[in-house]
Amino acid sequence: MTRISVRPFAARPPMPDGVRPVNLRSDLRPLADLIELVFADSMDSSGRSAIREMRFLSQMGYGLKLIARLNELALGISLGFVYVKDGRLVGNVSVYPASYPAGLGETWILANVGVHPDYRRSGIAQELMAASLDMVRRRGATRVILQVNYENRPALRLYERQGFIFERAWRVWRRSGFLQAPFSRNDAFHITRRRPSEWRAEYALAEAARPNSRGGLGWLKPVHKAAFHSPVWKQLRDLVSLNSLERLVIRDEAAGDILASCWLESAVSFGNIRAWLFAAPHIDHRAYAQALLGNLVSRYSRSTIVFEHPRDDEVVEELLAYHQFKVKRELWHMRLDL
């Protein structure tokens, strides 16, 4: 007869305190709980969607390593670090490679830097940041970028101590598709799509209006010629994936210059219209911005529009409020050059 052992299974050894790399199989679910707790007051719909995705991925078991190579969210979490204290996972930082053009150097993103409220002000966030920055330096990073809520003073002080500089403050505006568009008449300007041959003129305009030293066109949108002159294979890829980027411009026909441009991006993946607007910095751009925003709201009056714009542009801020956009987030974009 086979003897059956009744000895209990050995208990899993407690996790040692301190910083360690993320273990996707064991950390995803407690990480989802921690991030949801820490960022509850500022989390938007995409953040809540990411939390649901993390909890779903936590059930994937041994297939998770393969998924992490294909899933951007899992990849960023897998390259990050956690902090364990008293056997609990109480701190996190996610680290993502940014998909910047090669000519701009290797850029990494820090995100989800958070510490459980019961363990704050004990140096945990600083240790997580130090581990992350050491890792990206070893990987040959040129720079590290992050965005942080405009009023989050403790986080701003933490990043400044690590050597990050302020690029620019931005606001993310949102206009509901259930609003009636205000009357907007534009007889003064001819708004058309940008011609393919005009990409250099628009590129020059963007370099002057939105230099990369101040955050470029917006979050993860650096000014680079690749964003203005796409190869045929990329255009075909966007067509197949149902992505669309429309560029509306106002020209100085006599000089052949582009005075203002508005980008309208749509995709099945995010289900709304995303917009950016920039104008020549040496001119009064109120009339151009009014014409482009009026065109945007009239054409997409039944769509939700998300608009990212520098907080210091008081002219466009006033026009966005007039067109019934509401501020959803206020963020600092920060950068560390390595």
C-alpha atoms as a PDB file:
ATOM      1  CA  MET A   1       0.000   0.000   0.000  1.00  0.00           C
ATOM      2  CA  THR A   2       1.252   3.407  -0.872  1.00  0.00           C
ATOM      3  CA  ARG A   3       1.906   5.574   2.101  1.00  0.00           C
ATOM      4  CA  ILE A   4       0.204   8.995   1.929  1.00  0.00           C
ATOM      5  CA  SER A   5       2.008  11.836   3.568  1.00  0.00           C
ATOM      6  CA  VAL A   6      -0.123  14.147   5.657  1.00  0.00           C
ATOM      7  CA  ARG A   7       2.598  16.732   6.159  1.00  0.00           C
ATOM      8  CA  PRO A   8       1.430  20.218   5.139  1.00  0.00           C
ATOM      9  CA  PHE A   9       2.886  21.893   2.082  1.00  0.00           C
ATOM     10  CA  ALA A  10       5.754  24.215   2.848  1.00  0.00           C
ATOM     11  CA  ALA A  11       4.575  27.804   3.058  1.00  0.00           C
ATOM     12  CA  ARG A  12       5.834  30.178   0.399  1.00  0.00           C
ATOM     13  CA  PRO A  13       8.760  32.143   1.862  1.00  0.00           C
ATOM     14  CA  PRO A  14       7.915  35.775   2.558  1.00  0.00           C
ATOM     15  CA  MET A  15       9.010  38.331  -0.004  1.00  0.00           C
ATOM     16  CA  PRO A  16      12.160  40.189   1.090  1.00  0.00           C
ATOM     17  CA  ASP A  17      11.701  43.893   1.728  1.00  0.00           C
ATOM     18  CA  GLY A  18      13.060  46.417  -0.762  1.00  0.00           C
ATOM     19  CA  VAL A  19      13.162  47.111  -4.500  1.00  0.00           C
ATOM     20  CA  ARG A  20      13.068  44.284  -7.016  1.00  0.00           C
ATOM     21  CA  PRO A  21      12.091  43.853 -10.695  1.00  0.00           C
ATOM     22  CA  VAL A  22       8.453  43.078 -11.419  1.00  0.00           C
ATOM     23  CA  ASN A  23       7.437  39.408 -11.569  1.00  0.00           C
ATOM     24  CA  LEU A  24       4.439  39.419 -13.914  1.00  0.00           C
ATOM     25  CA  ARG A  25       3.016  36.095 -12.727  1.00  0.00           C
ATOM     26  CA  SER A  26       2.859  37.060  -9.062  1.00  0.00           C
ATOM     27  CA  ASP A  27       2.641  40.869  -9.173  1.00  0.00           C
ATOM     28  CA  LEU A  28       0.007  41.822 -11.757  1.00  0.00           C
ATOM     29  CA  ARG A  29      -3.054  41.540  -9.547  1.00  0.00           C
ATOM     30  CA  PRO A  30      -1.606  43.309  -6.467  1.00  0.00           C
ATOM     31  CA  LEU A  31      -0.143  45.916  -8.824  1.00  0.00           C
ATOM     32  CA  ALA A  32      -3.573  46.562 -10.304  1.00  0.00           C
ATOM     33  CA  ASP A  33      -4.951  47.067  -6.791  1.00  0.00           C
ATOM     34  CA  LEU A  34      -2.098  49.409  -5.837  1.00  0.00           C
ATOM     35  CA  ILE A  35      -2.306  51.563  -8.984  1.00  0.00           C
ATOM     36  CA  GLU A  36      -6.086  51.814  -8.668  1.00  0.00           C
ATOM     37  CA  LEU A  37      -5.729  52.972  -5.054  1.00  0.00           C
ATOM     38  CA  VAL A  38      -2.910  55.457  -5.615  1.00  0.00           C
ATOM     39  CA  PHE A  39      -4.328  57.095  -8.757  1.00  0.00           C
ATOM     40  CA  ALA A  40      -8.043  56.884  -7.939  1.00  0.00           C
ATOM     41  CA  ASP A  41      -8.508  60.672  -7.999  1.00  0.00           C
ATOM     42  CA  SER A  42      -6.841  61.234 -11.384  1.00  0.00           C
ATOM     43  CA  MET A  43      -7.538  58.054 -13.341  1.00  0.00           C
ATOM     44  CA  ASP A  44      -9.363  58.522 -16.644  1.00  0.00           C
ATOM     45  CA  SER A  45     -11.223  55.965 -18.748  1.00  0.00           C
ATOM     46  CA  SER A  46      -8.031  54.692 -20.398  1.00  0.00           C
ATOM     47  CA  GLY A  47      -6.474  54.188 -16.967  1.00  0.00           C
ATOM     48  CA  ARG A  48      -9.462  52.218 -15.730  1.00  0.00           C
ATOM     49  CA  SER A  49      -9.307  50.138 -18.905  1.00  0.00           C
ATOM     50  CA  ALA A  50      -5.629  49.397 -18.199  1.00  0.00           C
ATOM     51  CA  ILE A  51      -6.504  48.203 -14.686  1.00  0.00           C
ATOM     52  CA  ARG A  52      -9.093  45.801 -16.091  1.00  0.00           C
ATOM     53  CA  GLU A  53      -6.537  44.572 -18.628  1.00  0.00           C
ATOM     54  CA  MET A  54      -3.967  43.943 -15.889  1.00  0.00           C
ATOM     55  CA  ARG A  55      -6.435  41.828 -13.927  1.00  0.00           C
ATOM     56  CA  PHE A  56      -7.306  39.875 -17.045  1.00  0.00           C
ATOM     57  CA  LEU A  57      -3.640  39.271 -17.884  1.00  0.00           C
ATOM     58  CA  SER A  58      -2.968  38.076 -14.335  1.00  0.00           C
ATOM     59  CA  GLN A  59      -5.026  34.959 -15.173  1.00  0.00           C
ATOM     60  CA  MET A  60      -2.891  33.974 -18.163  1.00  0.00           C
ATOM     61  CA  GLY A  61      -0.403  31.832 -16.229  1.00  0.00           C
ATOM     62  CA  TYR A  62       2.575  30.494 -18.154  1.00  0.00           C
ATOM     63  CA  GLY A  63       1.523  32.218 -21.402  1.00  0.00           C
ATOM     64  CA  LEU A  64       2.105  35.621 -19.833  1.00  0.00           C
ATOM     65  CA  LYS A  65       5.774  35.900 -20.854  1.00  0.00           C
ATOM     66  CA  LEU A  66       4.853  35.522 -24.515  1.00  0.00           C
ATOM     67  CA  ILE A  67       1.983  37.988 -24.187  1.00  0.00           C
ATOM     68  CA  ALA A  68       4.285  40.518 -22.495  1.00  0.00           C
ATOM     69  CA  ARG A  69       6.377  40.713 -25.656  1.00  0.00           C
ATOM     70  CA  LEU A  70       3.328  41.626 -27.723  1.00  0.00           C
ATOM     71  CA  ASN A  71       1.298  43.692 -25.255  1.00  0.00           C
ATOM     72  CA  GLU A  72       2.517  47.253 -24.623  1.00  0.00           C
ATOM     73  CA  LEU A  73       0.947  47.469 -21.162  1.00  0.00           C
ATOM     74  CA  ALA A  74       2.446  44.160 -19.987  1.00  0.00           C
ATOM     75  CA  LEU A  75       5.824  45.058 -21.493  1.00  0.00           C
ATOM     76  CA  GLY A  76       6.006  48.341 -19.595  1.00  0.00           C
ATOM     77  CA  ILE A  77       5.027  46.698 -16.333  1.00  0.00           C
ATOM     78  CA  SER A  78       7.467  43.803 -16.836  1.00  0.00           C
ATOM     79  CA  LEU A  79      10.404  46.211 -17.251  1.00  0.00           C
ATOM     80  CA  GLY A  80       9.495  48.133 -14.101  1.00  0.00           C
ATOM     81  CA  PHE A  81      10.165  47.719 -10.406  1.00  0.00           C
ATOM     82  CA  VAL A  82       8.140  47.163  -7.247  1.00  0.00           C
ATOM     83  CA  TYR A  83       8.850  47.816  -3.583  1.00  0.00           C
ATOM     84  CA  VAL A  84       7.976  45.243  -0.945  1.00  0.00           C
ATOM     85  CA  LYS A  85       7.538  46.155   2.711  1.00  0.00           C
ATOM     86  CA  ASP A  86       6.304  43.905   5.500  1.00  0.00           C
ATOM     87  CA  GLY A  87       5.476  41.249   2.924  1.00  0.00           C
ATOM     88  CA  ARG A  88       3.235  43.649   0.973  1.00  0.00           C
ATOM     89  CA  LEU A  89       3.694  45.160  -2.460  1.00  0.00           C
ATOM     90  CA  VAL A  90       3.530  48.878  -1.615  1.00  0.00           C
ATOM     91  CA  GLY A  91       5.344  50.702  -4.422  1.00  0.00           C
ATOM     92  CA  ASN A  92       5.637  50.591  -8.202  1.00  0.00           C
ATOM     93  CA  VAL A  93       7.200  52.232 -11.232  1.00  0.00           C
ATOM     94  CA  SER A  94       6.536  51.158 -14.832  1.00  0.00           C
ATOM     95  CA  VAL A  95       9.205  51.666 -17.498  1.00  0.00           C
ATOM     96  CA  TYR A  96       8.342  51.795 -21.212  1.00  0.00           C
ATOM     97  CA  PRO A  97      10.464  52.270 -24.319  1.00  0.00           C
ATOM     98  CA  ALA A  98       9.041  55.189 -26.304  1.00  0.00           C
ATOM     99  CA  SER A  99       8.544  54.628 -30.030  1.00  0.00           C
ATOM    100  CA  TYR A 100      10.559  57.674 -31.057  1.00  0.00           C
ATOM    101  CA  PRO A 101      12.280  57.933 -34.451  1.00  0.00           C
ATOM    102  CA  ALA A 102      15.857  56.665 -34.337  1.00  0.00           C
ATOM    103  CA  GLY A 103      17.294  60.079 -35.097  1.00  0.00           C
ATOM    104  CA  LEU A 104      16.035  61.427 -31.768  1.00  0.00           C
ATOM    105  CA  GLY A 105      17.930  58.915 -29.632  1.00  0.00           C
ATOM    106  CA  GLU A 106      16.616  56.165 -27.384  1.00  0.00           C
ATOM    107  CA  THR A 107      13.836  57.514 -25.184  1.00  0.00           C
ATOM    108  CA  TRP A 108      12.147  55.802 -22.221  1.00  0.00           C
ATOM    109  CA  ILE A 109       8.968  56.597 -20.303  1.00  0.00           C
ATOM    110  CA  LEU A 110       8.459  56.399 -16.549  1.00  0.00           C
ATOM    111  CA  ALA A 111       4.853  55.904 -15.466  1.00  0.00           C
ATOM    112  CA  ASN A 112       2.728  54.769 -12.532  1.00  0.00           C
ATOM    113  CA  VAL A 113       5.223  55.958  -9.926  1.00  0.00           C
ATOM    114  CA  GLY A 114       3.161  55.295  -6.846  1.00  0.00           C
ATOM    115  CA  VAL A 115       3.445  54.345  -3.181  1.00  0.00           C
ATOM    116  CA  HIS A 116       0.707  53.023  -0.906  1.00  0.00           C
ATOM    117  CA  PRO A 117      -0.594  55.861   1.329  1.00  0.00           C
ATOM    118  CA  ASP A 118       0.456  53.999   4.493  1.00  0.00           C
ATOM    119  CA  TYR A 119       4.105  53.910   3.385  1.00  0.00           C
ATOM    120  CA  ARG A 120       4.689  57.358   1.906  1.00  0.00           C
ATOM    121  CA  ARG A 121       7.452  59.792   2.908  1.00  0.00           C
ATOM    122  CA  SER A 122       9.886  56.983   3.682  1.00  0.00           C
ATOM    123  CA  GLY A 123      12.087  57.159   0.577  1.00  0.00           C
ATOM    124  CA  ILE A 124      10.376  54.354  -1.338  1.00  0.00           C
ATOM    125  CA  ALA A 125       9.581  56.427  -4.445  1.00  0.00           C
ATOM    126  CA  GLN A 126      13.166  57.690  -4.565  1.00  0.00           C
ATOM    127  CA  GLU A 127      14.522  54.115  -4.467  1.00  0.00           C
ATOM    128  CA  LEU A 128      12.140  53.054  -7.246  1.00  0.00           C
ATOM    129  CA  MET A 129      13.240  55.990  -9.388  1.00  0.00           C
ATOM    130  CA  ALA A 130      16.922  55.264  -8.782  1.00  0.00           C
ATOM    131  CA  ALA A 131      16.502  51.612  -9.822  1.00  0.00           C
ATOM    132  CA  SER A 132      14.607  52.619 -12.969  1.00  0.00           C
ATOM    133  CA  LEU A 133      17.097  55.265 -14.044  1.00  0.00           C
ATOM    134  CA  ASP A 134      20.010  52.907 -13.452  1.00  0.00           C
ATOM    135  CA  MET A 135      18.306  50.307 -15.649  1.00  0.00           C
ATOM    136  CA  VAL A 136      17.653  52.643 -18.594  1.00  0.00           C
ATOM    137  CA  ARG A 137      21.176  54.045 -18.393  1.00  0.00           C
ATOM    138  CA  ARG A 138      22.551  50.537 -18.738  1.00  0.00           C
ATOM    139  CA  ARG A 139      20.331  50.084 -21.784  1.00  0.00           C
ATOM    140  CA  GLY A 140      21.812  53.146 -23.452  1.00  0.00           C
ATOM    141  CA  ALA A 141      18.944  55.607 -23.029  1.00  0.00           C
ATOM    142  CA  THR A 142      19.378  59.145 -24.324  1.00  0.00           C
ATOM    143  CA  ARG A 143      16.530  60.607 -22.295  1.00  0.00           C
ATOM    144  CA  VAL A 144      13.682  59.736 -19.949  1.00  0.00           C
ATOM    145  CA  ILE A 145      10.283  61.454 -20.081  1.00  0.00           C
ATOM    146  CA  LEU A 146       7.229  61.467 -17.845  1.00  0.00           C
ATOM    147  CA  GLN A 147       4.029  63.363 -17.245  1.00  0.00           C
ATOM    148  CA  VAL A 148       2.673  64.285 -13.835  1.00  0.00           C
ATOM    149  CA  ASN A 149      -0.442  66.040 -12.573  1.00  0.00           C
ATOM    150  CA  TYR A 150       0.045  69.802 -12.508  1.00  0.00           C
ATOM    151  CA  GLU A 151      -0.778  70.164  -8.797  1.00  0.00           C
ATOM    152  CA  ASN A 152       1.107  67.096  -7.521  1.00  0.00           C
ATOM    153  CA  ARG A 153       3.744  68.998  -5.566  1.00  0.00           C
ATOM    154  CA  PRO A 154       5.390  65.997  -3.824  1.00  0.00           C
ATOM    155  CA  ALA A 155       5.891  64.201  -7.145  1.00  0.00           C
ATOM    156  CA  LEU A 156       7.229  67.354  -8.826  1.00  0.00           C
ATOM    157  CA  ARG A 157       9.797  67.793  -6.032  1.00  0.00           C
ATOM    158  CA  LEU A 158      10.798  64.121  -6.330  1.00  0.00           C
ATOM    159  CA  TYR A 159      11.412  64.364 -10.068  1.00  0.00           C
ATOM    160  CA  GLU A 160      13.311  67.647  -9.721  1.00  0.00           C
ATOM    161  CA  ARG A 161      15.627  66.017  -7.174  1.00  0.00           C
ATOM    162  CA  GLN A 162      16.315  63.279  -9.720  1.00  0.00           C
ATOM    163  CA  GLY A 163      17.376  65.900 -12.284  1.00  0.00           C
ATOM    164  CA  PHE A 164      14.208  66.153 -14.408  1.00  0.00           C
ATOM    165  CA  ILE A 165      13.445  69.524 -15.989  1.00  0.00           C
ATOM    166  CA  PHE A 166      10.058  71.039 -16.800  1.00  0.00           C
ATOM    167  CA  GLU A 167       9.355  71.061 -20.534  1.00  0.00           C
ATOM    168  CA  ARG A 168       5.863  72.528 -20.607  1.00  0.00           C
ATOM    169  CA  ALA A 169       2.493  72.367 -18.889  1.00  0.00           C
ATOM    170  CA  TRP A 170      -0.376  70.946 -20.953  1.00  0.00           C
ATOM    171  CA  ARG A 171      -4.107  70.602 -20.687  1.00  0.00           C
ATOM    172  CA  VAL A 172      -6.175  67.783 -22.102  1.00  0.00           C
ATOM    173  CA  TRP A 173      -9.580  69.120 -23.151  1.00  0.00           C
ATOM    174  CA  ARG A 174     -12.652  67.090 -24.061  1.00  0.00           C
ATOM    175  CA  ARG A 175     -15.808  68.049 -25.938  1.00  0.00           C
ATOM    176  CA  SER A 176     -18.857  65.805 -25.740  1.00  0.00           C
ATOM    177  CA  GLY A 177     -20.567  64.692 -28.934  1.00  0.00           C
ATOM    178  CA  PHE A 178     -23.964  65.522 -27.405  1.00  0.00           C
ATOM    179  CA  LEU A 179     -23.470  69.292 -27.613  1.00  0.00           C
ATOM    180  CA  GLN A 180     -24.694  71.629 -30.296  1.00  0.00           C
ATOM    181  CA  ALA A 181     -21.883  73.390 -32.132  1.00  0.00           C
ATOM    182  CA  PRO A 182     -21.868  77.179 -31.605  1.00  0.00           C
ATOM    183  CA  PHE A 183     -22.309  79.275 -34.713  1.00  0.00           C
ATOM    184  CA  SER A 184     -18.912  79.884 -36.289  1.00  0.00           C
ATOM    185  CA  ARG A 185     -18.558  81.791 -39.523  1.00  0.00           C
ATOM    186  CA  ASN A 186     -15.320  81.744 -41.465  1.00  0.00           C
ATOM    187  CA  ASP A 187     -15.260  83.844 -44.621  1.00  0.00           C
ATOM    188  CA  ALA A 188     -11.729  85.179 -44.220  1.00  0.00           C
ATOM    189  CA  PHE A 189      -9.640  82.012 -44.540  1.00  0.00           C
ATOM    190  CA  HIS A 190      -9.465  79.142 -46.964  1.00  0.00           C
ATOM    191  CA  ILE A 191      -9.001  75.903 -44.989  1.00  0.00           C
ATOM    192  CA  THR A 192      -7.826  72.885 -46.967  1.00  0.00           C
ATOM    193  CA  ARG A 193      -5.982  69.636 -46.452  1.00  0.00           C
ATOM    194  CA  ARG A 194      -2.240  69.923 -46.502  1.00  0.00           C
ATOM    195  CA  ARG A 195      -0.720  68.889 -49.818  1.00  0.00           C
ATOM    196  CA  PRO A 196       1.907  66.091 -49.702  1.00  0.00           C
ATOM    197  CA  SER A 197       4.419  68.465 -51.278  1.00  0.00           C
ATOM    198  CA  GLU A 198       3.985  70.916 -48.360  1.00  0.00           C
ATOM    199  CA  TRP A 199       5.372  68.647 -45.660  1.00  0.00           C
ATOM    200  CA  ARG A 200       8.606  70.637 -45.345  1.00  0.00           C
ATOM    201  CA  ALA A 201       6.683  73.889 -44.798  1.00  0.00           C
ATOM    202  CA  GLU A 202       4.529  72.296 -42.108  1.00  0.00           C
ATOM    203  CA  TYR A 203       7.588  70.697 -40.521  1.00  0.00           C
ATOM    204  CA  ALA A 204       9.304  74.097 -40.345  1.00  0.00           C
ATOM    205  CA  LEU A 205       6.170  75.601 -38.790  1.00  0.00           C
ATOM    206  CA  ALA A 206       6.053  72.876 -36.112  1.00  0.00           C
ATOM    207  CA  GLU A 207       9.762  73.274 -35.299  1.00  0.00           C
ATOM    208  CA  ALA A 208       9.194  76.987 -34.673  1.00  0.00           C
ATOM    209  CA  ALA A 209       5.873  76.662 -32.836  1.00  0.00           C
ATOM    210  CA  ARG A 210       6.451  73.476 -30.825  1.00  0.00           C
ATOM    211  CA  PRO A 211      10.183  72.811 -30.335  1.00  0.00           C
ATOM    212  CA  ASN A 212      11.083  69.464 -28.825  1.00  0.00           C
ATOM    213  CA  SER A 213      12.833  71.264 -25.963  1.00  0.00           C
ATOM    214  CA  ARG A 214       9.332  72.291 -24.848  1.00  0.00           C
ATOM    215  CA  GLY A 215       7.544  69.003 -25.399  1.00  0.00           C
ATOM    216  CA  GLY A 216       7.041  68.935 -29.160  1.00  0.00           C
ATOM    217  CA  LEU A 217       3.504  68.615 -30.489  1.00  0.00           C
ATOM    218  CA  GLY A 218       2.280  66.849 -27.364  1.00  0.00           C
ATOM    219  CA  TRP A 219       2.714  63.700 -25.339  1.00  0.00           C
ATOM    220  CA  LEU A 220       4.713  61.140 -27.366  1.00  0.00           C
ATOM    221  CA  LYS A 221       4.538  63.404 -30.419  1.00  0.00           C
ATOM    222  CA  PRO A 222       8.029  64.804 -30.979  1.00  0.00           C
ATOM    223  CA  VAL A 223       8.645  67.082 -33.934  1.00  0.00           C
ATOM    224  CA  HIS A 224      10.490  64.923 -36.462  1.00  0.00           C
ATOM    225  CA  LYS A 225      10.290  64.806 -40.233  1.00  0.00           C
ATOM    226  CA  ALA A 226       8.945  61.228 -40.056  1.00  0.00           C
ATOM    227  CA  ALA A 227       5.710  62.601 -38.565  1.00  0.00           C
ATOM    228  CA  PHE A 228       5.232  64.931 -41.537  1.00  0.00           C
ATOM    229  CA  HIS A 229       6.383  62.775 -44.436  1.00  0.00           C
ATOM    230  CA  SER A 230       5.243  59.168 -44.008  1.00  0.00           C
ATOM    231  CA  PRO A 231       6.606  56.447 -46.296  1.00  0.00           C
ATOM    232  CA  VAL A 232       4.128  54.555 -48.447  1.00  0.00           C
ATOM    233  CA  TRP A 233       4.331  51.398 -46.322  1.00  0.00           C
ATOM    234  CA  LYS A 234       3.253  53.348 -43.209  1.00  0.00           C
ATOM    235  CA  GLN A 235       0.345  54.929 -45.054  1.00  0.00           C
ATOM    236  CA  LEU A 236      -0.801  51.466 -46.154  1.00  0.00           C
ATOM    237  CA  ARG A 237      -0.449  50.120 -42.612  1.00  0.00           C
ATOM    238  CA  ASP A 238      -2.581  52.945 -41.224  1.00  0.00           C
ATOM    239  CA  LEU A 239      -5.165  52.334 -43.933  1.00  0.00           C
ATOM    240  CA  VAL A 240      -5.404  48.633 -43.083  1.00  0.00           C
ATOM    241  CA  SER A 241      -5.642  49.363 -39.341  1.00  0.00           C
ATOM    242  CA  LEU A 242      -8.368  51.975 -39.975  1.00  0.00           C
ATOM    243  CA  ASN A 243      -6.223  54.815 -38.606  1.00  0.00           C
ATOM    244  CA  SER A 244      -6.715  58.242 -40.122  1.00  0.00           C
ATOM    245  CA  LEU A 245      -4.727  61.477 -39.777  1.00  0.00           C
ATOM    246  CA  GLU A 246      -6.106  64.561 -41.482  1.00  0.00           C
ATOM    247  CA  ARG A 247      -4.057  67.766 -41.632  1.00  0.00           C
ATOM    248  CA  LEU A 248      -5.984  70.998 -42.161  1.00  0.00           C
ATOM    249  CA  VAL A 249      -3.991  74.139 -42.906  1.00  0.00           C
ATOM    250  CA  ILE A 250      -4.312  77.860 -43.514  1.00  0.00           C
ATOM    251  CA  ARG A 251      -1.751  79.219 -45.970  1.00  0.00           C
ATOM    252  CA  ASP A 252      -0.142  82.480 -46.869  1.00  0.00           C
ATOM    253  CA  GLU A 253      -0.670  81.927 -50.578  1.00  0.00           C
ATOM    254  CA  ALA A 254       1.634  84.766 -51.601  1.00  0.00           C
ATOM    255  CA  ALA A 255       4.620  83.599 -49.559  1.00  0.00           C
ATOM    256  CA  GLY A 256       3.872  79.890 -49.861  1.00  0.00           C
ATOM    257  CA  ASP A 257       4.050  79.467 -46.084  1.00  0.00           C
ATOM    258  CA  ILE A 258       1.697  77.547 -43.793  1.00  0.00           C
ATOM    259  CA  LEU A 259       0.430  79.856 -41.068  1.00  0.00           C
ATOM    260  CA  ALA A 260      -1.508  77.359 -38.955  1.00  0.00           C
ATOM    261  CA  SER A 261      -2.233  73.636 -38.921  1.00  0.00           C
ATOM    262  CA  CYS A 262      -4.727  71.383 -37.166  1.00  0.00           C
ATOM    263  CA  TRP A 263      -4.261  67.606 -36.978  1.00  0.00           C
ATOM    264  CA  LEU A 264      -7.295  65.363 -36.623  1.00  0.00           C
ATOM    265  CA  GLU A 265      -6.583  61.744 -35.731  1.00  0.00           C
ATOM    266  CA  SER A 266      -9.164  58.985 -35.559  1.00  0.00           C
ATOM    267  CA  ALA A 267      -8.832  55.256 -35.003  1.00  0.00           C
ATOM    268  CA  VAL A 268     -11.067  52.340 -34.119  1.00  0.00           C
ATOM    269  CA  SER A 269      -8.908  51.683 -31.048  1.00  0.00           C
ATOM    270  CA  PHE A 270      -9.821  54.892 -29.187  1.00  0.00           C
ATOM    271  CA  GLY A 271     -13.263  55.735 -30.594  1.00  0.00           C
ATOM    272  CA  ASN A 272     -13.016  59.538 -30.676  1.00  0.00           C
ATOM    273  CA  ILE A 273     -11.319  62.391 -32.532  1.00  0.00           C
ATOM    274  CA  ARG A 274      -7.971  63.581 -31.213  1.00  0.00           C
ATOM    275  CA  ALA A 275      -6.767  67.009 -32.234  1.00  0.00           C
ATOM    276  CA  TRP A 276      -3.659  69.223 -32.104  1.00  0.00           C
ATOM    277  CA  LEU A 277      -3.301  72.794 -33.325  1.00  0.00           C
ATOM    278  CA  PHE A 278      -0.198  74.914 -33.863  1.00  0.00           C
ATOM    279  CA  ALA A 279       0.439  78.265 -35.542  1.00  0.00           C
ATOM    280  CA  ALA A 280       3.374  80.464 -36.518  1.00  0.00           C
ATOM    281  CA  PRO A 281       4.709  82.021 -33.288  1.00  0.00           C
ATOM    282  CA  HIS A 282       5.489  85.413 -34.853  1.00  0.00           C
ATOM    283  CA  ILE A 283       1.839  86.212 -35.705  1.00  0.00           C
ATOM    284  CA  ASP A 284      -1.383  86.879 -33.831  1.00  0.00           C
ATOM    285  CA  HIS A 285      -2.936  83.439 -34.213  1.00  0.00           C
ATOM    286  CA  ARG A 286      -6.384  84.105 -32.731  1.00  0.00           C
ATOM    287  CA  ALA A 287      -8.193  84.353 -36.068  1.00  0.00           C
ATOM    288  CA  TYR A 288      -6.472  81.260 -37.475  1.00  0.00           C
ATOM    289  CA  ALA A 289      -7.169  79.215 -34.348  1.00  0.00           C
ATOM    290  CA  GLN A 290     -10.804  80.343 -34.309  1.00  0.00           C
ATOM    291  CA  ALA A 291     -11.264  79.330 -37.948  1.00  0.00           C
ATOM    292  CA  LEU A 292      -9.671  75.889 -37.477  1.00  0.00           C
ATOM    293  CA  LEU A 293     -11.510  75.133 -34.222  1.00  0.00           C
ATOM    294  CA  GLY A 294     -14.819  76.256 -35.712  1.00  0.00           C
ATOM    295  CA  ASN A 295     -14.219  73.938 -38.663  1.00  0.00           C
ATOM    296  CA  LEU A 296     -13.335  71.053 -36.340  1.00  0.00           C
ATOM    297  CA  VAL A 297     -16.382  71.410 -34.098  1.00  0.00           C
ATOM    298  CA  SER A 298     -18.800  71.914 -36.987  1.00  0.00           C
ATOM    299  CA  ARG A 299     -17.584  68.841 -38.866  1.00  0.00           C
ATOM    300  CA  TYR A 300     -17.443  66.574 -35.809  1.00  0.00           C
ATOM    301  CA  SER A 301     -20.303  68.025 -33.778  1.00  0.00           C
ATOM    302  CA  ARG A 302     -21.607  64.515 -32.961  1.00  0.00           C
ATOM    303  CA  SER A 303     -18.231  63.057 -32.010  1.00  0.00           C
ATOM    304  CA  THR A 304     -16.266  63.249 -28.786  1.00  0.00           C
ATOM    305  CA  ILE A 305     -13.175  65.377 -29.411  1.00  0.00           C
ATOM    306  CA  VAL A 306     -10.048  65.210 -27.236  1.00  0.00           C
ATOM    307  CA  PHE A 307      -7.719  68.171 -27.652  1.00  0.00           C
ATOM    308  CA  GLU A 308      -4.198  68.452 -26.224  1.00  0.00           C
ATOM    309  CA  HIS A 309      -2.733  71.948 -26.002  1.00  0.00           C
ATOM    310  CA  PRO A 310      -0.115  73.957 -24.069  1.00  0.00           C
ATOM    311  CA  ARG A 311      -1.509  75.503 -20.919  1.00  0.00           C
ATOM    312  CA  ASP A 312       0.302  78.797 -21.552  1.00  0.00           C
ATOM    313  CA  ASP A 313      -1.530  79.550 -24.838  1.00  0.00           C
ATOM    314  CA  GLU A 314      -4.242  81.781 -23.425  1.00  0.00           C
ATOM    315  CA  VAL A 315      -5.701  82.556 -26.860  1.00  0.00           C
ATOM    316  CA  VAL A 316      -6.523  78.956 -27.738  1.00  0.00           C
ATOM    317  CA  GLU A 317      -7.553  78.203 -24.127  1.00  0.00           C
ATOM    318  CA  GLU A 318     -10.215  80.922 -24.394  1.00  0.00           C
ATOM    319  CA  LEU A 319     -11.423  79.601 -27.756  1.00  0.00           C
ATOM    320  CA  LEU A 320     -11.636  76.019 -26.502  1.00  0.00           C
ATOM    321  CA  ALA A 321     -13.825  77.141 -23.609  1.00  0.00           C
ATOM    322  CA  TYR A 322     -16.019  79.076 -26.065  1.00  0.00           C
ATOM    323  CA  HIS A 323     -16.475  75.905 -28.115  1.00  0.00           C
ATOM    324  CA  GLN A 324     -17.603  74.044 -24.972  1.00  0.00           C
ATOM    325  CA  PHE A 325     -14.493  71.980 -24.366  1.00  0.00           C
ATOM    326  CA  LYS A 326     -13.876  71.026 -20.720  1.00  0.00           C
ATOM    327  CA  VAL A 327     -10.504  70.501 -19.078  1.00  0.00           C
ATOM    328  CA  LYS A 328     -10.044  66.854 -18.128  1.00  0.00           C
ATOM    329  CA  ARG A 329      -6.395  66.819 -17.046  1.00  0.00           C
ATOM    330  CA  GLU A 330      -3.608  69.297 -16.360  1.00  0.00           C
ATOM    331  CA  LEU A 331      -0.127  67.867 -16.681  1.00  0.00           C
ATOM    332  CA  TRP A 332       3.513  68.807 -16.569  1.00  0.00           C
ATOM    333  CA  HIS A 333       5.723  67.112 -19.150  1.00  0.00           C
ATOM    334  CA  MET A 334       9.207  66.565 -17.712  1.00  0.00           C
ATOM    335  CA  ARG A 335      12.456  65.293 -19.205  1.00  0.00           C
ATOM    336  CA  LEU A 336      15.787  63.966 -17.999  1.00  0.00           C
ATOM    337  CA  ASP A 337      18.683  64.013 -20.478  1.00  0.00           C
ATOM    338  CA  LEU A 338      21.200  61.261 -19.801  1.00  0.00           C
END
